[in-house]
Amino acid sequence: MSHTSGTSHPTGLSRRGVVAALGAAAALPLLTSRQQAAALSPVTPASAAASAVAPAATVTAAAAPAGSATGITLAARDAAAFAALGLGTLSAVPLPGTPARVSVRDGDTEVAVLTTGARTVRLTGPERTFVENKKPVTDLFARERPADWGTSPEGGSWSTVNGADTDYSVRPGAGVIALSSANLSRHATLRDDAIGDADIRADGSFDRAPTGAALSFALSFGYQDTKNHYRARLVLTPTGTAELRVEREQADTVTPLAPAAALPGPSGDSPWAIRVRRTGDRIEARAWQTARPEPADWAVDVRDTAFPRGRVGVRAVASTGATGLPVRLGVTRFSVTGASWTAPPSVTHRDWIRVLPEPFDGTWTEAVERTVRGWAGSTAPDVLAYAFMFVQGAPPVRAPALGGARVLGEVGYGPMTAAGTRREGADFHECVGLPWTFPVGGTSPAGSDIWRDHLDCSGYVRMVYGHHAGVPMAAGDDPTRGALPRRSHDQSRHAPGVTVAESAAAPPAAPRLHVGDLLFFDADESDAGEIDHVGIHLGTDHEGRRRFLSSRKTPNGPTAADLGGPSVLDGDGLYARALRKVHRL
């Protein structure tokens, strides 16, 4: 089955209209049932503005950003949701600077901003808050690394400290720490410094029973460095006993937070699990042999405030006097569930981004006015709502008109290689598993099933702006700039629309950056200045930084968070340094 981008299905509904209708309820779960029913009414791109969803009288109140779950919230009873009811005579006022823009106003109130040569329109609408919190992580070490632990599937890269590089390795099924010397702790932590509340578990075993002195492995949390962290430490002795110690190491001084808890043995080289649940200043911990059921009660329940946030990971050590070294700890599972960042990235504003069927030619006409009036106050999904429907936790939405293909919902970046890296190459139609016929470049096959439910950075932009918002797309490149190309490098040169700002060797100032603009980066310093990454500007976050969405390898999929480099254009982080062009479709 082949589909043509921008053409109609046999039912008479356009692909864009069908997908927009299906996504309306899921992309904004804050809508009432009556509003969802209106959103699911079939619409075509040309009539979408005129039949925009009428906002409901009651919407869900916005939650506080800190500790919030990932998602979008609307401010309660926001008068802007009823903007269309109160619009009077609209005027179009040219704005200074380039690119050429027009401010659409109702008296002194700005209703919309249109850019000459671009389809995207920035509208003033109900206030929204976008929040992304910590994604659950389960690392089963299904990779092979000779001298480090590589990258976990969703948790970012592992950092290893103390000992030789070869003391840390991954064989399929286990992350290995070799203790080749006594009284020197080894640490492996995930590079994510902002984890606060979390439920963490590590499963592992030594390859031989301890002799001479104790062996221990610990689940570390609130980790700042090797001399400043918490740990729940399983101590295994040569006599076969086992105990759990919860400790705080601060400035190289170890303080027990509770008496050691004796655990049922025998211990030896049996596999063990350690679990910690941290909520605020409360620390609960338990450990058990994995051949037995997990205990119902926590062995340790204490409170401490020294390290409110930090990394999580594993620590291993052979005590002074241990013999039979080297001994190896094999960690077969490391999981972080129900975790929260202490301050999740949060963006709040009134900007909604919608797309005209054709580029604005600079002339304010009755037809354009009808479109803008139809959009005013609408809470039907816009570009940003669709973009956020691919981050972690987003529910799946399937399109019957596309054979039940999943067109919304959490996706990854790409399949993992044997070495634990992510493959690049998942376009939007490969993500949904369908061949696609493009107005420029012909038909592209569905591709291998390995690309299903994945989107690389440019594929993510095409899914949001092309498949869902209706911007024409090319199978590959389009030097005529009539259709959105496949790759980020070609998008930076030939995407439809207008350039807002660019600089060949440094980040452009971009004083007229809009929410929804495409951001192009030279994030790989080894490729001689070539654009290799693209994202979508989301807006100014709770710390006053310009934040963006993009699909990336380290967090495995679309994100606005800071795992694998801060997703901000301010400061000295990777992407702040690497920005080279801002473009408006």
Protein backbone atom coordinates (compact mmCIF):
# COMPACT_ATOMS: atom_id res chain seq x y z
CA MET A 1 0.00 0.00 0.00
CA SER A 2 1.44 3.36 -1.02
CA HIS A 3 0.34 6.79 0.19
CA THR A 4 0.79 10.13 -1.48
CA SER A 5 1.63 13.06 0.77
CA GLY A 6 -0.97 15.79 0.42
CA THR A 7 -3.51 13.78 -1.59
CA SER A 8 -6.94 12.49 -0.57
CA HIS A 9 -7.93 9.02 0.54
CA PRO A 10 -10.89 7.18 -1.03
CA THR A 11 -13.07 8.35 1.83
CA GLY A 12 -12.69 11.92 0.66
CA LEU A 13 -10.74 12.97 3.78
CA SER A 14 -7.21 14.24 3.40
CA ARG A 15 -4.43 12.42 5.20
CA ARG A 16 -3.68 15.53 7.21
CA GLY A 17 -7.32 15.94 8.19
CA VAL A 18 -7.68 12.33 9.25
CA VAL A 19 -4.53 12.39 11.37
CA ALA A 20 -5.42 15.75 12.90
CA ALA A 21 -8.82 14.42 13.86
CA LEU A 22 -7.38 11.26 15.40
CA GLY A 23 -4.72 13.13 17.33
CA ALA A 24 -6.98 15.79 18.79
CA ALA A 25 -8.19 13.90 21.83
CA ALA A 26 -4.87 12.26 22.67
CA ALA A 27 -2.60 15.25 22.08
CA LEU A 28 -4.60 17.43 24.48
CA PRO A 29 -6.12 15.18 27.12
CA LEU A 30 -7.28 18.28 28.97
CA LEU A 31 -10.23 18.68 26.62
CA THR A 32 -13.68 17.82 27.89
CA SER A 33 -15.57 14.96 26.25
CA ARG A 34 -17.75 17.43 24.35
CA GLN A 35 -14.69 19.23 23.06
CA GLN A 36 -13.03 15.95 22.07
CA ALA A 37 -16.10 15.01 20.08
CA ALA A 38 -15.88 18.30 18.21
CA ALA A 39 -12.16 17.77 17.60
CA LEU A 40 -12.77 14.35 16.08
CA SER A 41 -15.09 15.76 13.42
CA PRO A 42 -13.51 15.23 9.98
CA VAL A 43 -11.80 18.33 8.61
CA THR A 44 -9.59 19.02 5.62
CA PRO A 45 -6.57 21.35 5.69
CA ALA A 46 -8.41 24.04 3.77
CA SER A 47 -11.36 24.06 6.13
CA ALA A 48 -9.47 23.44 9.38
CA ALA A 49 -9.34 27.08 10.40
CA ALA A 50 -13.01 27.71 9.75
CA SER A 51 -14.05 24.63 11.73
CA ALA A 52 -11.59 25.12 14.60
CA VAL A 53 -12.61 23.52 17.85
CA ALA A 54 -14.61 25.79 20.12
CA PRO A 55 -12.88 25.91 23.52
CA ALA A 56 -14.67 24.49 26.53
CA ALA A 57 -15.64 26.61 29.50
CA THR A 58 -13.63 24.51 31.93
CA VAL A 59 -10.06 23.31 31.48
CA THR A 60 -7.63 21.65 33.83
CA ALA A 61 -5.54 23.90 36.04
CA ALA A 62 -1.82 24.05 35.38
CA ALA A 63 0.28 22.07 37.84
CA ALA A 64 3.44 23.34 39.50
CA PRO A 65 6.44 22.55 37.31
CA ALA A 66 8.61 20.97 40.03
CA GLY A 67 7.79 17.29 40.35
CA SER A 68 5.20 17.38 37.59
CA ALA A 69 4.73 14.48 35.24
CA THR A 70 5.63 14.90 31.59
CA GLY A 71 2.86 16.54 29.57
CA ILE A 72 1.00 19.72 28.62
CA THR A 73 -1.37 21.64 30.87
CA LEU A 74 -3.61 24.63 30.18
CA ALA A 75 -4.20 27.46 32.64
CA ALA A 76 -7.60 27.20 34.31
CA ARG A 77 -10.44 29.34 32.88
CA ASP A 78 -8.10 31.29 30.63
CA ALA A 79 -9.99 34.09 28.90
CA ALA A 80 -7.73 33.65 25.86
CA ALA A 81 -9.60 30.40 25.13
CA PHE A 82 -12.59 32.54 24.16
CA ALA A 83 -10.63 35.01 22.04
CA ALA A 84 -12.70 34.43 18.90
CA LEU A 85 -15.88 35.56 20.67
CA GLY A 86 -14.43 38.96 21.48
CA LEU A 87 -12.50 39.81 18.33
CA GLY A 88 -13.41 43.12 16.73
CA THR A 89 -11.85 44.75 13.70
CA LEU A 90 -8.43 43.32 12.94
CA SER A 91 -5.58 45.35 11.54
CA ALA A 92 -2.29 44.22 10.01
CA VAL A 93 0.74 46.23 11.13
CA PRO A 94 4.18 45.66 9.54
CA LEU A 95 6.95 44.91 12.02
CA PRO A 96 10.52 46.23 11.69
CA GLY A 97 13.50 44.09 10.76
CA THR A 98 13.96 40.95 8.73
CA PRO A 99 12.38 38.64 7.87
CA ALA A 100 9.35 40.74 6.91
CA ARG A 101 6.54 40.16 9.41
CA VAL A 102 3.01 41.41 10.02
CA SER A 103 1.43 41.78 13.44
CA VAL A 104 -2.32 41.13 13.39
CA ARG A 105 -3.99 43.18 16.13
CA ASP A 106 -7.34 43.74 17.72
CA GLY A 107 -6.82 47.24 19.05
CA ASP A 108 -3.65 47.04 21.15
CA THR A 109 -3.82 43.25 21.51
CA GLU A 110 -1.65 41.12 19.26
CA VAL A 111 -3.63 38.22 17.86
CA ALA A 112 -1.07 36.69 15.49
CA VAL A 113 2.24 37.22 13.71
CA LEU A 114 2.63 36.19 10.05
CA THR A 115 5.97 36.05 8.24
CA THR A 116 6.24 36.80 4.54
CA GLY A 117 7.35 33.66 2.73
CA ALA A 118 6.48 31.30 5.60
CA ARG A 119 3.48 29.06 6.31
CA THR A 120 3.84 29.07 10.09
CA VAL A 121 1.76 31.54 12.06
CA ARG A 122 2.35 32.41 15.71
CA LEU A 123 -0.94 33.01 17.51
CA THR A 124 -1.66 34.31 20.99
CA GLY A 125 -3.80 31.73 22.74
CA PRO A 126 -4.52 30.08 26.08
CA GLU A 127 -1.50 29.75 28.34
CA ARG A 128 0.17 26.33 28.29
CA THR A 129 2.92 24.69 30.30
CA PHE A 130 5.13 22.01 28.76
CA VAL A 131 6.93 19.81 31.31
CA GLU A 132 9.26 16.88 30.71
CA ASN A 133 10.32 14.71 33.63
CA LYS A 134 12.79 11.85 34.03
CA LYS A 135 12.23 8.88 31.72
CA PRO A 136 12.30 5.41 33.33
CA VAL A 137 15.53 3.51 32.67
CA THR A 138 16.17 -0.21 32.49
CA ASP A 139 19.63 -1.30 31.43
CA LEU A 140 20.03 -5.05 30.81
CA PHE A 141 23.48 -4.55 29.27
CA ALA A 142 22.59 -6.08 25.90
CA ARG A 143 25.80 -4.86 24.28
CA GLU A 144 29.53 -5.46 24.28
CA ARG A 145 32.13 -2.91 25.44
CA PRO A 146 35.79 -3.72 26.22
CA ALA A 147 36.77 -0.78 28.44
CA ASP A 148 33.68 1.14 29.58
CA TRP A 149 29.94 0.68 30.10
CA GLY A 150 28.86 2.70 27.06
CA THR A 151 25.30 4.07 27.02
CA SER A 152 22.19 2.74 28.72
CA PRO A 153 19.08 2.39 26.53
CA GLU A 154 17.30 5.50 27.86
CA GLY A 155 19.42 6.70 30.77
CA GLY A 156 22.36 8.36 29.09
CA SER A 157 26.02 7.38 29.10
CA TRP A 158 27.83 5.68 31.96
CA SER A 159 30.81 7.31 33.67
CA THR A 160 33.41 5.08 35.33
CA VAL A 161 35.87 6.24 38.00
CA ASN A 162 38.87 4.61 39.76
CA GLY A 163 40.93 1.71 38.55
CA ALA A 164 41.97 1.03 34.97
CA ASP A 165 39.63 1.49 32.02
CA THR A 166 39.71 -2.26 31.51
CA ASP A 167 38.31 -2.75 35.03
CA TYR A 168 34.98 -1.80 33.44
CA SER A 169 33.48 -3.76 30.57
CA VAL A 170 30.18 -5.03 29.23
CA ARG A 171 29.57 -8.53 27.97
CA PRO A 172 26.10 -9.31 26.65
CA GLY A 173 23.92 -9.54 29.72
CA ALA A 174 26.17 -7.91 32.34
CA GLY A 175 28.08 -4.75 33.16
CA VAL A 176 31.33 -5.98 34.73
CA ILE A 177 33.52 -4.30 37.36
CA ALA A 178 36.85 -6.05 37.99
CA LEU A 179 38.29 -5.60 41.50
CA SER A 180 41.98 -6.18 40.85
CA SER A 181 43.13 -4.46 44.05
CA ALA A 182 41.76 -4.18 47.58
CA ASN A 183 40.55 -1.02 49.31
CA LEU A 184 39.96 0.89 46.07
CA SER A 185 36.32 1.51 45.28
CA ARG A 186 35.12 1.43 41.67
CA HIS A 187 32.16 3.56 40.57
CA ALA A 188 29.88 3.48 37.53
CA THR A 189 27.24 6.21 37.41
CA LEU A 190 24.79 7.52 34.83
CA ARG A 191 25.60 11.05 33.69
CA ASP A 192 22.42 12.67 34.99
CA ASP A 193 23.12 15.00 37.90
CA ALA A 194 19.58 16.19 38.63
CA ILE A 195 17.78 13.03 39.85
CA GLY A 196 15.91 13.57 43.11
CA ASP A 197 13.04 11.22 43.95
CA ALA A 198 13.57 7.79 42.44
CA ASP A 199 12.96 4.08 42.79
CA ILE A 200 16.24 2.34 41.86
CA ARG A 201 17.26 -1.30 41.64
CA ALA A 202 20.52 -3.07 40.83
CA ASP A 203 20.94 -6.84 40.39
CA GLY A 204 24.37 -8.41 40.47
CA SER A 205 26.73 -11.07 41.75
CA PHE A 206 30.45 -11.69 42.18
CA ASP A 207 32.08 -14.43 40.16
CA ARG A 208 33.42 -16.08 43.34
CA ALA A 209 32.67 -16.09 47.06
CA PRO A 210 34.71 -13.66 49.20
CA THR A 211 37.91 -14.91 50.86
CA GLY A 212 40.17 -13.14 53.31
CA ALA A 213 37.86 -10.15 53.76
CA ALA A 214 34.45 -8.86 52.68
CA LEU A 215 33.31 -7.93 49.20
CA SER A 216 30.58 -5.37 48.73
CA PHE A 217 28.56 -3.79 46.00
CA ALA A 218 26.29 -0.85 46.46
CA LEU A 219 23.58 1.09 44.76
CA SER A 220 24.70 4.73 44.89
CA PHE A 221 22.36 7.74 44.66
CA GLY A 222 22.54 11.48 45.30
CA TYR A 223 26.01 10.97 43.82
CA GLN A 224 28.19 14.09 43.48
CA ASP A 225 31.56 12.34 43.22
CA THR A 226 33.40 9.37 44.72
CA LYS A 227 33.70 11.13 48.10
CA ASN A 228 30.21 12.65 48.27
CA HIS A 229 27.17 10.41 47.82
CA TYR A 230 24.68 8.07 49.46
CA ARG A 231 24.89 4.32 49.05
CA ALA A 232 22.91 1.24 50.01
CA ARG A 233 25.76 -1.27 50.40
CA LEU A 234 25.44 -5.03 50.40
CA VAL A 235 28.35 -6.50 52.42
CA LEU A 236 29.20 -10.18 51.81
CA THR A 237 31.68 -11.84 54.21
CA PRO A 238 33.91 -14.92 53.91
CA THR A 239 31.81 -16.63 56.62
CA GLY A 240 28.71 -16.48 54.40
CA THR A 241 26.84 -13.67 56.17
CA ALA A 242 25.29 -10.68 54.46
CA GLU A 243 24.14 -7.29 55.67
CA LEU A 244 22.79 -4.07 54.20
CA ARG A 245 24.35 -0.77 55.23
CA VAL A 246 22.92 2.60 54.21
CA GLU A 247 25.65 5.22 54.39
CA ARG A 248 26.43 8.81 53.55
CA GLU A 249 29.93 9.58 52.39
CA GLN A 250 30.60 13.30 52.64
CA ALA A 251 34.00 14.92 52.17
CA ASP A 252 35.54 11.43 52.36
CA THR A 253 33.92 10.74 55.76
CA VAL A 254 31.52 7.78 55.96
CA THR A 255 28.50 8.07 58.27
CA PRO A 256 26.09 5.15 58.80
CA LEU A 257 22.51 6.42 58.50
CA ALA A 258 21.08 3.36 60.27
CA PRO A 259 22.32 0.21 61.97
CA ALA A 260 23.42 -2.52 59.60
CA ALA A 261 20.51 -4.82 58.69
CA ALA A 262 21.31 -8.54 58.72
CA LEU A 263 20.04 -10.41 55.66
CA PRO A 264 19.14 -14.07 55.29
CA GLY A 265 21.95 -16.09 53.73
CA PRO A 266 23.89 -17.92 52.65
CA SER A 267 25.55 -15.25 50.55
CA GLY A 268 28.59 -16.56 48.66
CA ASP A 269 28.42 -15.81 44.96
CA SER A 270 24.60 -15.86 44.75
CA PRO A 271 22.87 -13.14 42.71
CA TRP A 272 21.49 -10.29 44.83
CA ALA A 273 19.23 -7.31 44.25
CA ILE A 274 19.44 -3.96 46.01
CA ARG A 275 16.53 -1.55 45.87
CA VAL A 276 16.27 2.03 47.09
CA ARG A 277 13.20 4.23 47.12
CA ARG A 278 13.86 7.89 47.74
CA THR A 279 11.06 10.40 48.36
CA GLY A 280 12.17 13.86 49.45
CA ASP A 281 14.49 13.32 52.44
CA ARG A 282 13.19 9.80 53.07
CA ILE A 283 15.41 6.86 52.09
CA GLU A 284 14.06 3.30 52.10
CA ALA A 285 16.27 0.36 51.19
CA ARG A 286 16.24 -3.44 51.04
CA ALA A 287 18.31 -6.25 49.53
CA TRP A 288 17.55 -9.89 48.80
CA GLN A 289 18.79 -12.91 46.90
CA THR A 290 17.05 -12.89 43.55
CA ALA A 291 16.21 -16.59 43.86
CA ARG A 292 13.83 -15.55 46.63
CA PRO A 293 10.78 -13.25 46.48
CA GLU A 294 11.38 -9.57 47.06
CA PRO A 295 10.68 -8.76 50.76
CA ALA A 296 7.50 -6.83 51.52
CA ASP A 297 9.17 -4.61 54.13
CA TRP A 298 12.05 -2.17 53.84
CA ALA A 299 15.11 -3.23 55.82
CA VAL A 300 16.12 0.41 56.35
CA ASP A 301 13.91 3.53 56.57
CA VAL A 302 15.76 6.76 57.37
CA ARG A 303 15.79 10.47 56.57
CA ASP A 304 18.68 12.65 55.44
CA THR A 305 19.05 15.94 53.53
CA ALA A 306 22.74 16.17 52.60
CA PHE A 307 22.38 15.41 48.87
CA PRO A 308 18.90 16.32 47.55
CA ARG A 309 19.84 15.37 44.00
CA GLY A 310 22.60 13.67 42.07
CA ARG A 311 23.53 10.73 39.87
CA VAL A 312 22.63 7.09 40.45
CA GLY A 313 24.86 4.10 39.85
CA VAL A 314 26.86 1.20 41.25
CA ARG A 315 29.87 1.02 43.57
CA ALA A 316 32.03 -2.05 44.24
CA VAL A 317 34.97 -2.65 46.57
CA ALA A 318 37.11 -5.46 47.98
CA SER A 319 37.95 -4.77 51.62
CA THR A 320 41.53 -4.69 52.90
CA GLY A 321 42.71 -8.26 53.30
CA ALA A 322 40.57 -9.71 50.51
CA THR A 323 42.31 -12.51 48.66
CA GLY A 324 41.75 -14.32 45.39
CA LEU A 325 41.73 -11.09 43.43
CA PRO A 326 40.80 -10.13 40.80
CA VAL A 327 37.14 -10.78 41.50
CA ARG A 328 34.45 -9.54 39.17
CA LEU A 329 31.04 -8.05 39.88
CA GLY A 330 28.52 -8.65 37.11
CA VAL A 331 25.55 -6.26 37.15
CA THR A 332 22.77 -7.87 35.14
CA ARG A 333 20.11 -5.22 35.64
CA PHE A 334 20.03 -1.56 36.58
CA SER A 335 16.66 0.18 36.62
CA VAL A 336 15.37 3.61 37.58
CA THR A 337 11.59 3.76 37.80
CA GLY A 338 9.27 6.54 38.93
CA ALA A 339 12.15 9.01 39.01
CA SER A 340 11.87 12.79 39.01
CA TRP A 341 14.32 15.55 38.30
CA THR A 342 14.42 18.04 41.13
CA ALA A 343 13.49 20.79 38.65
CA PRO A 344 12.07 19.29 35.43
CA PRO A 345 12.41 21.48 32.32
CA SER A 346 9.25 23.58 32.13
CA VAL A 347 8.14 26.07 29.45
CA THR A 348 5.08 28.30 29.88
CA HIS A 349 3.73 30.74 27.28
CA ARG A 350 0.71 31.72 25.16
CA ASP A 351 2.22 30.98 21.75
CA TRP A 352 0.42 28.51 19.48
CA ILE A 353 1.92 27.59 16.09
CA ARG A 354 -0.34 26.77 13.16
CA VAL A 355 0.39 26.30 9.47
CA LEU A 356 -1.18 27.99 6.45
CA PRO A 357 -1.87 25.85 3.37
CA GLU A 358 0.38 28.22 1.37
CA PRO A 359 3.17 30.62 2.32
CA PHE A 360 1.99 34.10 3.39
CA ASP A 361 2.71 36.51 0.53
CA GLY A 362 2.74 39.62 2.71
CA THR A 363 -0.80 40.74 1.84
CA TRP A 364 -3.52 40.79 4.51
CA THR A 365 -6.60 39.50 2.71
CA GLU A 366 -10.12 38.51 3.70
CA ALA A 367 -9.20 34.86 3.23
CA VAL A 368 -6.20 35.12 5.54
CA GLU A 369 -8.31 37.03 8.06
CA ARG A 370 -10.95 34.28 8.09
CA THR A 371 -8.22 31.73 8.74
CA VAL A 372 -6.73 33.71 11.64
CA ARG A 373 -10.17 34.34 13.16
CA GLY A 374 -10.93 30.63 12.94
CA TRP A 375 -7.74 29.82 14.80
CA ALA A 376 -8.21 32.42 17.56
CA GLY A 377 -8.52 30.72 20.94
CA SER A 378 -8.66 27.21 19.49
CA THR A 379 -7.18 24.45 21.64
CA ALA A 380 -7.13 21.93 18.80
CA PRO A 381 -3.63 20.42 18.50
CA ASP A 382 -1.04 22.73 16.97
CA VAL A 383 2.59 22.12 15.96
CA LEU A 384 3.87 22.15 19.56
CA ALA A 385 1.14 19.79 20.76
CA TYR A 386 2.02 17.32 18.02
CA ALA A 387 5.74 17.68 18.78
CA PHE A 388 5.16 16.87 22.47
CA MET A 389 3.14 13.79 21.52
CA PHE A 390 6.36 11.92 20.74
CA VAL A 391 8.27 12.47 24.00
CA GLN A 392 8.43 9.86 26.76
CA GLY A 393 5.10 8.75 28.15
CA ALA A 394 2.98 9.98 25.23
CA PRO A 395 0.13 7.53 24.53
CA PRO A 396 -0.14 5.79 21.15
CA VAL A 397 -2.69 7.01 18.59
CA ARG A 398 -3.45 4.91 15.51
CA ALA A 399 -4.96 6.00 12.19
CA PRO A 400 -7.50 3.56 10.69
CA ALA A 401 -7.26 5.43 7.38
CA LEU A 402 -3.57 4.44 7.29
CA GLY A 403 -4.21 0.80 8.05
CA GLY A 404 -3.98 1.29 11.81
CA ALA A 405 -0.49 2.81 11.67
CA ARG A 406 0.66 4.44 14.91
CA VAL A 407 1.01 8.13 14.08
CA LEU A 408 1.46 9.55 17.60
CA GLY A 409 3.03 8.28 20.80
CA GLU A 410 6.42 7.91 22.46
CA VAL A 411 9.16 6.91 20.02
CA GLY A 412 12.87 6.17 20.17
CA TYR A 413 15.70 7.60 18.08
CA GLY A 414 16.81 4.39 16.42
CA PRO A 415 17.63 0.74 17.07
CA MET A 416 20.63 -0.09 19.24
CA THR A 417 23.77 -1.61 17.77
CA ALA A 418 25.78 -4.43 19.36
CA ALA A 419 28.12 -1.81 20.80
CA GLY A 420 25.26 0.04 22.50
CA THR A 421 25.06 3.06 20.17
CA ARG A 422 21.95 4.22 18.30
CA ARG A 423 21.50 3.86 14.54
CA GLU A 424 20.44 6.91 12.54
CA GLY A 425 17.98 6.79 9.66
CA ALA A 426 14.33 6.65 10.80
CA ASP A 427 12.08 8.91 8.73
CA PHE A 428 8.41 9.54 9.55
CA HIS A 429 6.97 6.94 7.14
CA GLU A 430 9.49 4.34 8.31
CA CYS A 431 8.39 5.11 11.86
CA VAL A 432 4.78 4.24 10.98
CA GLY A 433 5.85 1.38 8.69
CA LEU A 434 4.39 2.53 5.36
CA PRO A 435 5.74 3.28 1.88
CA TRP A 436 5.15 6.90 0.90
CA THR A 437 4.82 8.74 -2.39
CA PHE A 438 6.13 12.31 -2.25
CA PRO A 439 5.30 15.23 -4.56
CA VAL A 440 9.07 15.59 -5.04
CA GLY A 441 11.25 12.51 -5.47
CA GLY A 442 8.70 9.76 -5.95
CA THR A 443 8.02 6.81 -3.68
CA SER A 444 10.12 5.68 -0.71
CA PRO A 445 9.66 2.16 0.66
CA ALA A 446 8.41 1.46 4.17
CA GLY A 447 11.88 0.36 5.18
CA SER A 448 12.97 -2.34 7.57
CA ASP A 449 10.95 -3.08 10.69
CA ILE A 450 13.97 -1.99 12.74
CA TRP A 451 12.92 1.64 12.10
CA ARG A 452 9.37 1.13 13.39
CA ASP A 453 8.50 3.54 16.23
CA HIS A 454 11.74 5.49 15.82
CA LEU A 455 12.50 8.99 14.49
CA ASP A 456 15.89 10.58 13.96
CA CYS A 457 16.20 14.36 14.29
CA SER A 458 15.14 15.29 10.74
CA GLY A 459 12.57 12.49 10.64
CA TYR A 460 11.02 13.99 13.79
CA VAL A 461 10.78 17.43 12.15
CA ARG A 462 9.16 15.85 9.07
CA MET A 463 6.70 13.90 11.20
CA VAL A 464 5.59 17.04 13.05
CA TYR A 465 5.72 19.69 10.34
CA GLY A 466 5.21 17.49 7.31
CA HIS A 467 2.95 14.58 8.19
CA HIS A 468 0.87 16.32 10.88
CA ALA A 469 1.03 20.01 9.89
CA GLY A 470 0.94 19.56 6.10
CA VAL A 471 4.20 21.18 4.93
CA PRO A 472 5.10 19.47 1.60
CA MET A 473 7.98 16.99 1.80
CA ALA A 474 10.53 15.58 -0.61
CA ALA A 475 11.71 12.00 -0.75
CA GLY A 476 15.27 13.29 -0.50
CA ASP A 477 16.51 16.82 -1.19
CA ASP A 478 14.68 19.60 -3.05
CA PRO A 479 17.00 22.40 -4.24
CA THR A 480 13.95 24.35 -5.48
CA ARG A 481 12.94 24.81 -1.81
CA GLY A 482 9.39 23.75 -2.50
CA ALA A 483 9.37 20.76 -0.16
CA LEU A 484 10.98 19.82 3.16
CA PRO A 485 14.08 17.63 2.53
CA ARG A 486 14.91 14.42 4.34
CA ARG A 487 18.24 15.21 6.02
CA SER A 488 19.07 18.00 8.47
CA HIS A 489 21.95 19.25 6.29
CA ASP A 490 19.65 19.54 3.26
CA GLN A 491 16.85 21.03 5.36
CA SER A 492 19.22 23.79 6.48
CA ARG A 493 19.93 24.71 2.84
CA HIS A 494 16.68 23.99 1.03
CA ALA A 495 13.73 23.92 3.44
CA PRO A 496 10.72 26.01 2.35
CA GLY A 497 10.17 29.25 4.23
CA VAL A 498 12.56 32.00 5.28
CA THR A 499 15.85 32.26 7.16
CA VAL A 500 15.57 34.14 10.44
CA ALA A 501 19.27 34.22 11.34
CA GLU A 502 22.45 32.34 10.52
CA SER A 503 26.19 32.36 11.12
CA ALA A 504 28.78 30.06 9.63
CA ALA A 505 31.09 29.78 12.62
CA ALA A 506 29.26 30.98 15.75
CA PRO A 507 25.74 31.01 17.20
CA PRO A 508 23.62 33.75 15.60
CA ALA A 509 21.96 36.27 17.90
CA ALA A 510 18.49 35.59 16.41
CA PRO A 511 16.62 38.48 18.09
CA ARG A 512 13.46 37.59 16.14
CA LEU A 513 13.43 33.91 17.08
CA HIS A 514 9.85 32.58 17.32
CA VAL A 515 8.47 29.54 19.06
CA GLY A 516 8.20 26.79 16.42
CA ASP A 517 11.25 27.90 14.41
CA LEU A 518 13.63 25.22 13.16
CA LEU A 519 17.09 25.29 14.75
CA PHE A 520 20.08 23.87 12.89
CA PHE A 521 23.26 22.80 14.68
CA ASP A 522 26.80 21.78 13.89
CA ALA A 523 26.91 19.45 16.90
CA ASP A 524 29.66 17.16 15.60
CA GLU A 525 32.95 19.03 15.71
CA SER A 526 34.64 16.45 13.48
CA ASP A 527 32.66 17.18 10.30
CA ALA A 528 34.17 20.55 9.31
CA GLY A 529 31.21 22.82 9.96
CA GLU A 530 28.46 20.71 8.38
CA ILE A 531 24.93 20.94 9.80
CA ASP A 532 24.16 17.59 11.44
CA HIS A 533 21.24 18.20 13.83
CA VAL A 534 17.87 19.97 13.78
CA GLY A 535 15.32 20.84 16.46
CA ILE A 536 12.16 22.89 17.10
CA HIS A 537 12.19 25.94 19.37
CA LEU A 538 9.79 25.31 22.27
CA GLY A 539 10.08 28.62 24.16
CA THR A 540 11.64 30.18 27.26
CA ASP A 541 11.87 27.85 30.24
CA HIS A 542 11.38 28.41 33.98
CA GLU A 543 15.01 29.55 34.29
CA GLY A 544 14.78 32.07 31.44
CA ARG A 545 16.61 29.92 28.89
CA ARG A 546 15.51 29.32 25.29
CA ARG A 547 14.68 25.61 25.14
CA PHE A 548 14.13 23.34 22.12
CA LEU A 549 12.80 19.89 21.21
CA SER A 550 14.80 17.43 19.14
CA SER A 551 15.24 13.69 18.70
CA ARG A 552 18.63 12.58 20.03
CA LYS A 553 20.61 9.39 20.50
CA THR A 554 21.54 9.64 24.19
CA PRO A 555 18.00 10.05 25.59
CA ASN A 556 16.75 7.78 22.77
CA GLY A 557 14.12 9.94 21.14
CA PRO A 558 12.48 13.37 21.15
CA THR A 559 13.23 15.44 24.24
CA ALA A 560 13.34 18.98 25.60
CA ALA A 561 15.47 17.89 28.56
CA ASP A 562 19.18 18.05 29.23
CA LEU A 563 20.27 14.42 29.03
CA GLY A 564 23.18 14.18 26.60
CA GLY A 565 23.65 17.95 26.46
CA PRO A 566 21.37 20.81 27.60
CA SER A 567 18.46 21.42 25.20
CA VAL A 568 18.96 25.17 25.49
CA LEU A 569 20.36 27.93 23.31
CA ASP A 570 21.86 29.90 26.20
CA GLY A 571 25.05 29.28 28.15
CA ASP A 572 28.02 27.22 27.03
CA GLY A 573 26.46 23.79 26.52
CA LEU A 574 26.96 21.75 23.35
CA TYR A 575 23.87 22.97 21.50
CA ALA A 576 24.24 26.58 22.64
CA ARG A 577 27.71 26.55 21.07
CA ALA A 578 26.65 24.59 18.00
CA LEU A 579 23.64 26.64 16.79
CA ARG A 580 24.26 27.94 13.26
CA LYS A 581 20.89 28.75 11.69
CA VAL A 582 17.29 29.62 12.59
CA HIS A 583 14.63 28.98 9.94
CA ARG A 584 10.87 29.51 9.77
CA LEU A 585 8.87 27.08 7.61
